[in-house]
Amino acid sequence: MGYTVVALEDKIMEMYPELTEKGIAVSLEFSSEKNAYIVKFSKGGRALTTHLDKKDADDCMNNIKCVYLGMQIGEFEKNFEEYRKG
């Protein structure tokens, strides 16, 4: 499946609108070494990273929510909130 990093980023933002609502920025880059996308979430000078396997990225582009990425987003939201309170 062919798509750009920007298209995948847009799709993630579309599938997980809470990122925009909570002011969390997303950036991606593809690692051919890992055959995965490195996903960076940032907010307020803090950043967290995870990876998204190529197969999961393909599913995402086919409108199938990635459970692993969704769990990571939830964890990152919690971490950002705890940092803000701390």
PDB file of N, CA and C in Angstrom:
ATOM      1  N   MET A   1       0.847  -1.174   0.000  1.00  0.00           N
ATOM      2  CA  MET A   1       0.000   0.000   0.000  1.00  0.00           C
ATOM      3  C   MET A   1       0.890   1.233   0.000  1.00  0.00           C
ATOM      4  N   GLY A   2       0.629   2.157  -0.893  1.00  0.00           N
ATOM      5  CA  GLY A   2       1.443   3.357  -0.965  1.00  0.00           C
ATOM      6  C   GLY A   2       0.734   4.566  -0.377  1.00  0.00           C
ATOM      7  N   TYR A   3       1.391   5.253   0.524  1.00  0.00           N
ATOM      8  CA  TYR A   3       0.887   6.495   1.110  1.00  0.00           C
ATOM      9  C   TYR A   3       2.076   7.248   1.680  1.00  0.00           C
ATOM     10  N   THR A   4       1.885   8.503   1.943  1.00  0.00           N
ATOM     11  CA  THR A   4       2.970   9.325   2.466  1.00  0.00           C
ATOM     12  C   THR A   4       2.910   9.371   3.994  1.00  0.00           C
ATOM     13  N   VAL A   5       3.992   9.802   4.586  1.00  0.00           N
ATOM     14  CA  VAL A   5       4.052   9.992   6.032  1.00  0.00           C
ATOM     15  C   VAL A   5       3.007  11.030   6.448  1.00  0.00           C
ATOM     16  N   VAL A   6       2.860  12.072   5.645  1.00  0.00           N
ATOM     17  CA  VAL A   6       1.882  13.124   5.948  1.00  0.00           C
ATOM     18  C   VAL A   6       0.465  12.561   5.926  1.00  0.00           C
ATOM     19  N   ALA A   7       0.155  11.710   4.942  1.00  0.00           N
ATOM     20  CA  ALA A   7      -1.176  11.103   4.867  1.00  0.00           C
ATOM     21  C   ALA A   7      -1.443  10.234   6.089  1.00  0.00           C
ATOM     22  N   LEU A   8      -0.448   9.493   6.543  1.00  0.00           N
ATOM     23  CA  LEU A   8      -0.610   8.653   7.735  1.00  0.00           C
ATOM     24  C   LEU A   8      -0.804   9.521   8.972  1.00  0.00           C
ATOM     25  N   GLU A   9      -0.030  10.573   9.079  1.00  0.00           N
ATOM     26  CA  GLU A   9      -0.176  11.495  10.212  1.00  0.00           C
ATOM     27  C   GLU A   9      -1.584  12.089  10.229  1.00  0.00           C
ATOM     28  N   ASP A  10      -2.057  12.527   9.063  1.00  0.00           N
ATOM     29  CA  ASP A  10      -3.417  13.077   8.974  1.00  0.00           C
ATOM     30  C   ASP A  10      -4.457  12.040   9.378  1.00  0.00           C
ATOM     31  N   LYS A  11      -4.271  10.793   8.967  1.00  0.00           N
ATOM     32  CA  LYS A  11      -5.213   9.727   9.293  1.00  0.00           C
ATOM     33  C   LYS A  11      -5.228   9.461  10.799  1.00  0.00           C
ATOM     34  N   ILE A  12      -4.065   9.457  11.426  1.00  0.00           N
ATOM     35  CA  ILE A  12      -3.994   9.256  12.881  1.00  0.00           C
ATOM     36  C   ILE A  12      -4.732  10.387  13.599  1.00  0.00           C
ATOM     37  N   MET A  13      -4.524  11.609  13.142  1.00  0.00           N
ATOM     38  CA  MET A  13      -5.195  12.755  13.765  1.00  0.00           C
ATOM     39  C   MET A  13      -6.715  12.661  13.560  1.00  0.00           C
ATOM     40  N   GLU A  14      -7.126  12.163  12.417  1.00  0.00           N
ATOM     41  CA  GLU A  14      -8.551  11.984  12.128  1.00  0.00           C
ATOM     42  C   GLU A  14      -9.149  10.889  13.007  1.00  0.00           C
ATOM     43  N   MET A  15      -8.431   9.787  13.190  1.00  0.00           N
ATOM     44  CA  MET A  15      -8.943   8.660  13.960  1.00  0.00           C
ATOM     45  C   MET A  15      -8.906   8.894  15.466  1.00  0.00           C
ATOM     46  N   TYR A  16      -8.005   9.753  15.897  1.00  0.00           N
ATOM     47  CA  TYR A  16      -7.844  10.040  17.320  1.00  0.00           C
ATOM     48  C   TYR A  16      -7.971  11.549  17.553  1.00  0.00           C
ATOM     49  N   PRO A  17      -9.200  12.103  17.422  1.00  0.00           N
ATOM     50  CA  PRO A  17      -9.392  13.556  17.539  1.00  0.00           C
ATOM     51  C   PRO A  17      -9.023  14.116  18.904  1.00  0.00           C
ATOM     52  N   GLU A  18      -8.946  13.245  19.910  1.00  0.00           N
ATOM     53  CA  GLU A  18      -8.570  13.713  21.245  1.00  0.00           C
ATOM     54  C   GLU A  18      -7.162  14.307  21.256  1.00  0.00           C
ATOM     55  N   LEU A  19      -6.329  13.910  20.307  1.00  0.00           N
ATOM     56  CA  LEU A  19      -4.982  14.488  20.226  1.00  0.00           C
ATOM     57  C   LEU A  19      -5.070  15.984  19.975  1.00  0.00           C
ATOM     58  N   THR A  20      -5.863  16.376  18.988  1.00  0.00           N
ATOM     59  CA  THR A  20      -6.040  17.798  18.675  1.00  0.00           C
ATOM     60  C   THR A  20      -6.729  18.511  19.831  1.00  0.00           C
ATOM     61  N   GLU A  21      -7.772  17.884  20.373  1.00  0.00           N
ATOM     62  CA  GLU A  21      -8.535  18.478  21.468  1.00  0.00           C
ATOM     63  C   GLU A  21      -7.652  18.771  22.674  1.00  0.00           C
ATOM     64  N   LYS A  22      -6.655  17.933  22.919  1.00  0.00           N
ATOM     65  CA  LYS A  22      -5.782  18.097  24.081  1.00  0.00           C
ATOM     66  C   LYS A  22      -4.468  18.786  23.729  1.00  0.00           C
ATOM     67  N   GLY A  23      -4.353  19.251  22.479  1.00  0.00           N
ATOM     68  CA  GLY A  23      -3.163  20.002  22.069  1.00  0.00           C
ATOM     69  C   GLY A  23      -1.906  19.167  21.945  1.00  0.00           C
ATOM     70  N   ILE A  24      -2.063  17.892  21.634  1.00  0.00           N
ATOM     71  CA  ILE A  24      -0.911  17.004  21.481  1.00  0.00           C
ATOM     72  C   ILE A  24      -0.545  16.943  20.003  1.00  0.00           C
ATOM     73  N   ALA A  25       0.673  17.315  19.684  1.00  0.00           N
ATOM     74  CA  ALA A  25       1.159  17.283  18.301  1.00  0.00           C
ATOM     75  C   ALA A  25       1.728  15.908  17.993  1.00  0.00           C
ATOM     76  N   VAL A  26       1.616  15.511  16.736  1.00  0.00           N
ATOM     77  CA  VAL A  26       2.107  14.209  16.292  1.00  0.00           C
ATOM     78  C   VAL A  26       3.050  14.405  15.123  1.00  0.00           C
ATOM     79  N   SER A  27       4.176  13.720  15.156  1.00  0.00           N
ATOM     80  CA  SER A  27       5.068  13.703  13.992  1.00  0.00           C
ATOM     81  C   SER A  27       5.524  12.267  13.775  1.00  0.00           C
ATOM     82  N   LEU A  28       5.793  11.940  12.521  1.00  0.00           N
ATOM     83  CA  LEU A  28       6.158  10.576  12.146  1.00  0.00           C
ATOM     84  C   LEU A  28       7.385  10.572  11.262  1.00  0.00           C
ATOM     85  N   GLU A  29       8.110   9.481  11.345  1.00  0.00           N
ATOM     86  CA  GLU A  29       9.168   9.214  10.365  1.00  0.00           C
ATOM     87  C   GLU A  29       9.262   7.701  10.216  1.00  0.00           C
ATOM     88  N   PHE A  30       9.601   7.256   9.021  1.00  0.00           N
ATOM     89  CA  PHE A  30       9.680   5.827   8.766  1.00  0.00           C
ATOM     90  C   PHE A  30      11.093   5.335   9.018  1.00  0.00           C
ATOM     91  N   SER A  31      11.218   4.220   9.738  1.00  0.00           N
ATOM     92  CA  SER A  31      12.501   3.587   9.981  1.00  0.00           C
ATOM     93  C   SER A  31      12.545   2.306   9.154  1.00  0.00           C
ATOM     94  N   SER A  32      13.346   2.316   8.092  1.00  0.00           N
ATOM     95  CA  SER A  32      13.449   1.111   7.267  1.00  0.00           C
ATOM     96  C   SER A  32      14.128  -0.014   8.051  1.00  0.00           C
ATOM     97  N   GLU A  33      14.990   0.354   8.979  1.00  0.00           N
ATOM     98  CA  GLU A  33      15.667  -0.638   9.821  1.00  0.00           C
ATOM     99  C   GLU A  33      14.663  -1.442  10.646  1.00  0.00           C
ATOM    100  N   LYS A  34      13.632  -0.765  11.177  1.00  0.00           N
ATOM    101  CA  LYS A  34      12.631  -1.418  12.012  1.00  0.00           C
ATOM    102  C   LYS A  34      11.372  -1.788  11.232  1.00  0.00           C
ATOM    103  N   ASN A  35      11.294  -1.333   9.966  1.00  0.00           N
ATOM    104  CA  ASN A  35      10.098  -1.496   9.147  1.00  0.00           C
ATOM    105  C   ASN A  35       8.865  -1.012   9.910  1.00  0.00           C
ATOM    106  N   ALA A  36       9.039   0.157  10.526  1.00  0.00           N
ATOM    107  CA  ALA A  36       7.983   0.734  11.349  1.00  0.00           C
ATOM    108  C   ALA A  36       8.100   2.252  11.309  1.00  0.00           C
ATOM    109  N   TYR A  37       7.002   2.893  11.670  1.00  0.00           N
ATOM    110  CA  TYR A  37       7.003   4.348  11.799  1.00  0.00           C
ATOM    111  C   TYR A  37       7.317   4.695  13.247  1.00  0.00           C
ATOM    112  N   ILE A  38       8.181   5.667  13.426  1.00  0.00           N
ATOM    113  CA  ILE A  38       8.463   6.202  14.750  1.00  0.00           C
ATOM    114  C   ILE A  38       7.487   7.355  14.947  1.00  0.00           C
ATOM    115  N   VAL A  39       6.659   7.251  15.966  1.00  0.00           N
ATOM    116  CA  VAL A  39       5.611   8.240  16.223  1.00  0.00           C
ATOM    117  C   VAL A  39       6.017   9.056  17.445  1.00  0.00           C
ATOM    118  N   LYS A  40       6.057  10.357  17.270  1.00  0.00           N
ATOM    119  CA  LYS A  40       6.437  11.251  18.367  1.00  0.00           C
ATOM    120  C   LYS A  40       5.239  12.121  18.736  1.00  0.00           C
ATOM    121  N   PHE A  41       4.872  12.084  20.001  1.00  0.00           N
ATOM    122  CA  PHE A  41       3.816  12.924  20.543  1.00  0.00           C
ATOM    123  C   PHE A  41       4.480  14.015  21.365  1.00  0.00           C
ATOM    124  N   SER A  42       4.048  15.247  21.200  1.00  0.00           N
ATOM    125  CA  SER A  42       4.659  16.319  21.980  1.00  0.00           C
ATOM    126  C   SER A  42       3.606  17.335  22.424  1.00  0.00           C
ATOM    127  N   LYS A  43       3.901  17.909  23.585  1.00  0.00           N
ATOM    128  CA  LYS A  43       3.036  18.940  24.149  1.00  0.00           C
ATOM    129  C   LYS A  43       3.803  19.651  25.252  1.00  0.00           C
ATOM    130  N   GLY A  44       3.759  20.962  25.225  1.00  0.00           N
ATOM    131  CA  GLY A  44       4.355  21.754  26.304  1.00  0.00           C
ATOM    132  C   GLY A  44       5.809  21.465  26.581  1.00  0.00           C
ATOM    133  N   GLY A  45       6.600  21.229  25.545  1.00  0.00           N
ATOM    134  CA  GLY A  45       8.015  20.974  25.727  1.00  0.00           C
ATOM    135  C   GLY A  45       8.351  19.542  26.112  1.00  0.00           C
ATOM    136  N   ARG A  46       7.344  18.702  26.258  1.00  0.00           N
ATOM    137  CA  ARG A  46       7.562  17.293  26.571  1.00  0.00           C
ATOM    138  C   ARG A  46       7.295  16.463  25.334  1.00  0.00           C
ATOM    139  N   ALA A  47       7.998  15.365  25.191  1.00  0.00           N
ATOM    140  CA  ALA A  47       7.804  14.493  24.028  1.00  0.00           C
ATOM    141  C   ALA A  47       7.907  13.033  24.445  1.00  0.00           C
ATOM    142  N   LEU A  48       7.099  12.222  23.821  1.00  0.00           N
ATOM    143  CA  LEU A  48       7.108  10.786  24.037  1.00  0.00           C
ATOM    144  C   LEU A  48       7.079  10.109  22.675  1.00  0.00           C
ATOM    145  N   THR A  49       7.747   8.985  22.543  1.00  0.00           N
ATOM    146  CA  THR A  49       7.776   8.296  21.260  1.00  0.00           C
ATOM    147  C   THR A  49       7.345   6.837  21.412  1.00  0.00           C
ATOM    148  N   THR A  50       6.827   6.311  20.327  1.00  0.00           N
ATOM    149  CA  THR A  50       6.472   4.902  20.229  1.00  0.00           C
ATOM    150  C   THR A  50       6.686   4.506  18.776  1.00  0.00           C
ATOM    151  N   HIS A  51       6.366   3.279  18.448  1.00  0.00           N
ATOM    152  CA  HIS A  51       6.489   2.876  17.061  1.00  0.00           C
ATOM    153  C   HIS A  51       5.165   2.285  16.583  1.00  0.00           C
ATOM    154  N   LEU A  52       4.966   2.328  15.290  1.00  0.00           N
ATOM    155  CA  LEU A  52       3.776   1.798  14.639  1.00  0.00           C
ATOM    156  C   LEU A  52       4.264   0.903  13.515  1.00  0.00           C
ATOM    157  N   ASP A  53       4.068  -0.412  13.686  1.00  0.00           N
ATOM    158  CA  ASP A  53       4.507  -1.356  12.654  1.00  0.00           C
ATOM    159  C   ASP A  53       3.855  -1.030  11.318  1.00  0.00           C
ATOM    160  N   LYS A  54       4.541  -1.377  10.247  1.00  0.00           N
ATOM    161  CA  LYS A  54       4.048  -1.098   8.894  1.00  0.00           C
ATOM    162  C   LYS A  54       2.660  -1.700   8.700  1.00  0.00           C
ATOM    163  N   LYS A  55       2.431  -2.911   9.177  1.00  0.00           N
ATOM    164  CA  LYS A  55       1.118  -3.543   9.010  1.00  0.00           C
ATOM    165  C   LYS A  55       0.044  -2.741   9.739  1.00  0.00           C
ATOM    166  N   ASP A  56       0.337  -2.281  10.946  1.00  0.00           N
ATOM    167  CA  ASP A  56      -0.619  -1.470  11.697  1.00  0.00           C
ATOM    168  C   ASP A  56      -0.870  -0.140  10.997  1.00  0.00           C
ATOM    169  N   ALA A  57       0.169   0.432  10.412  1.00  0.00           N
ATOM    170  CA  ALA A  57       0.001   1.682   9.662  1.00  0.00           C
ATOM    171  C   ALA A  57      -0.891   1.449   8.448  1.00  0.00           C
ATOM    172  N   ASP A  58      -0.684   0.329   7.766  1.00  0.00           N
ATOM    173  CA  ASP A  58      -1.535  -0.009   6.618  1.00  0.00           C
ATOM    174  C   ASP A  58      -2.989  -0.149   7.059  1.00  0.00           C
ATOM    175  N   ASP A  59      -3.212  -0.826   8.198  1.00  0.00           N
ATOM    176  CA  ASP A  59      -4.572  -0.965   8.726  1.00  0.00           C
ATOM    177  C   ASP A  59      -5.178   0.393   9.035  1.00  0.00           C
ATOM    178  N   CYS A  60      -4.390   1.247   9.637  1.00  0.00           N
ATOM    179  CA  CYS A  60      -4.843   2.595   9.973  1.00  0.00           C
ATOM    180  C   CYS A  60      -5.311   3.329   8.706  1.00  0.00           C
ATOM    181  N   MET A  61      -4.538   3.217   7.646  1.00  0.00           N
ATOM    182  CA  MET A  61      -4.902   3.881   6.393  1.00  0.00           C
ATOM    183  C   MET A  61      -6.175   3.278   5.794  1.00  0.00           C
ATOM    184  N   ASN A  62      -6.527   2.052   6.213  1.00  0.00           N
ATOM    185  CA  ASN A  62      -7.765   1.400   5.777  1.00  0.00           C
ATOM    186  C   ASN A  62      -8.887   1.588   6.792  1.00  0.00           C
ATOM    187  N   ASN A  63      -8.734   2.594   7.664  1.00  0.00           N
ATOM    188  CA  ASN A  63      -9.741   2.950   8.671  1.00  0.00           C
ATOM    189  C   ASN A  63      -9.953   1.886   9.739  1.00  0.00           C
ATOM    190  N   ILE A  64      -8.918   1.097  10.010  1.00  0.00           N
ATOM    191  CA  ILE A  64      -8.976   0.123  11.096  1.00  0.00           C
ATOM    192  C   ILE A  64      -8.141   0.677  12.239  1.00  0.00           C
ATOM    193  N   LYS A  65      -8.799   0.972  13.356  1.00  0.00           N
ATOM    194  CA  LYS A  65      -8.065   1.546  14.482  1.00  0.00           C
ATOM    195  C   LYS A  65      -7.049   0.552  15.016  1.00  0.00           C
ATOM    196  N   CYS A  66      -5.887   1.055  15.295  1.00  0.00           N
ATOM    197  CA  CYS A  66      -4.808   0.246  15.841  1.00  0.00           C
ATOM    198  C   CYS A  66      -4.939   0.238  17.361  1.00  0.00           C
ATOM    199  N   VAL A  67      -5.232  -0.912  17.932  1.00  0.00           N
ATOM    200  CA  VAL A  67      -5.428  -1.036  19.372  1.00  0.00           C
ATOM    201  C   VAL A  67      -4.170  -0.615  20.125  1.00  0.00           C
ATOM    202  N   TYR A  68      -3.015  -1.089  19.661  1.00  0.00           N
ATOM    203  CA  TYR A  68      -1.756  -0.753  20.333  1.00  0.00           C
ATOM    204  C   TYR A  68      -1.534   0.761  20.349  1.00  0.00           C
ATOM    205  N   LEU A  69      -1.715   1.412  19.203  1.00  0.00           N
ATOM    206  CA  LEU A  69      -1.501   2.862  19.141  1.00  0.00           C
ATOM    207  C   LEU A  69      -2.514   3.584  20.019  1.00  0.00           C
ATOM    208  N   GLY A  70      -3.754   3.132  20.010  1.00  0.00           N
ATOM    209  CA  GLY A  70      -4.775   3.737  20.859  1.00  0.00           C
ATOM    210  C   GLY A  70      -4.419   3.643  22.332  1.00  0.00           C
ATOM    211  N   MET A  71      -3.889   2.496  22.740  1.00  0.00           N
ATOM    212  CA  MET A  71      -3.454   2.333  24.131  1.00  0.00           C
ATOM    213  C   MET A  71      -2.299   3.282  24.446  1.00  0.00           C
ATOM    214  N   GLN A  72      -1.362   3.413  23.518  1.00  0.00           N
ATOM    215  CA  GLN A  72      -0.230   4.312  23.718  1.00  0.00           C
ATOM    216  C   GLN A  72      -0.703   5.759  23.827  1.00  0.00           C
ATOM    217  N   ILE A  73      -1.643   6.144  22.975  1.00  0.00           N
ATOM    218  CA  ILE A  73      -2.174   7.508  23.020  1.00  0.00           C
ATOM    219  C   ILE A  73      -2.810   7.764  24.381  1.00  0.00           C
ATOM    220  N   GLY A  74      -3.597   6.812  24.880  1.00  0.00           N
ATOM    221  CA  GLY A  74      -4.212   6.965  26.196  1.00  0.00           C
ATOM    222  C   GLY A  74      -3.178   7.116  27.292  1.00  0.00           C
ATOM    223  N   GLU A  75      -2.124   6.334  27.212  1.00  0.00           N
ATOM    224  CA  GLU A  75      -1.055   6.413  28.212  1.00  0.00           C
ATOM    225  C   GLU A  75      -0.323   7.752  28.120  1.00  0.00           C
ATOM    226  N   PHE A  76      -0.072   8.216  26.895  1.00  0.00           N
ATOM    227  CA  PHE A  76       0.612   9.489  26.711  1.00  0.00           C
ATOM    228  C   PHE A  76      -0.244  10.643  27.224  1.00  0.00           C
ATOM    229  N   GLU A  77      -1.542  10.596  26.948  1.00  0.00           N
ATOM    230  CA  GLU A  77      -2.436  11.641  27.462  1.00  0.00           C
ATOM    231  C   GLU A  77      -2.356  11.695  28.983  1.00  0.00           C
ATOM    232  N   LYS A  78      -2.390  10.531  29.611  1.00  0.00           N
ATOM    233  CA  LYS A  78      -2.304  10.455  31.069  1.00  0.00           C
ATOM    234  C   LYS A  78      -0.974  11.027  31.564  1.00  0.00           C
ATOM    235  N   ASN A  79       0.122  10.667  30.911  1.00  0.00           N
ATOM    236  CA  ASN A  79       1.444  11.179  31.316  1.00  0.00           C
ATOM    237  C   ASN A  79       1.533  12.690  31.173  1.00  0.00           C
ATOM    238  N   PHE A  80       1.026  13.224  30.058  1.00  0.00           N
ATOM    239  CA  PHE A  80       1.048  14.673  29.861  1.00  0.00           C
ATOM    240  C   PHE A  80       0.229  15.367  30.946  1.00  0.00           C
ATOM    241  N   GLU A  81      -0.934  14.809  31.281  1.00  0.00           N
ATOM    242  CA  GLU A  81      -1.788  15.402  32.304  1.00  0.00           C
ATOM    243  C   GLU A  81      -1.117  15.355  33.671  1.00  0.00           C
ATOM    244  N   GLU A  82      -0.500  14.224  34.006  1.00  0.00           N
ATOM    245  CA  GLU A  82       0.188  14.110  35.293  1.00  0.00           C
ATOM    246  C   GLU A  82       1.367  15.081  35.376  1.00  0.00           C
ATOM    247  N   TYR A  83       2.072  15.261  34.274  1.00  0.00           N
ATOM    248  CA  TYR A  83       3.197  16.194  34.255  1.00  0.00           C
ATOM    249  C   TYR A  83       2.693  17.622  34.493  1.00  0.00           C
ATOM    250  N   ARG A  84       1.569  17.943  33.858  1.00  0.00           N
ATOM    251  CA  ARG A  84       1.007  19.294  33.989  1.00  0.00           C
ATOM    252  C   ARG A  84       0.595  19.565  35.429  1.00  0.00           C
ATOM    253  N   LYS A  85       0.041  18.557  36.091  1.00  0.00           N
ATOM    254  CA  LYS A  85      -0.403  18.716  37.470  1.00  0.00           C
ATOM    255  C   LYS A  85       0.764  18.751  38.453  1.00  0.00           C
ATOM    256  N   GLY A  86       1.842  18.024  38.082  1.00  0.00           N
ATOM    257  CA  GLY A  86       2.989  17.857  38.972  1.00  0.00           C
ATOM    258  C   GLY A  86       3.775  19.078  39.074  1.00  0.00           C
TER     259      GLY A  86
END
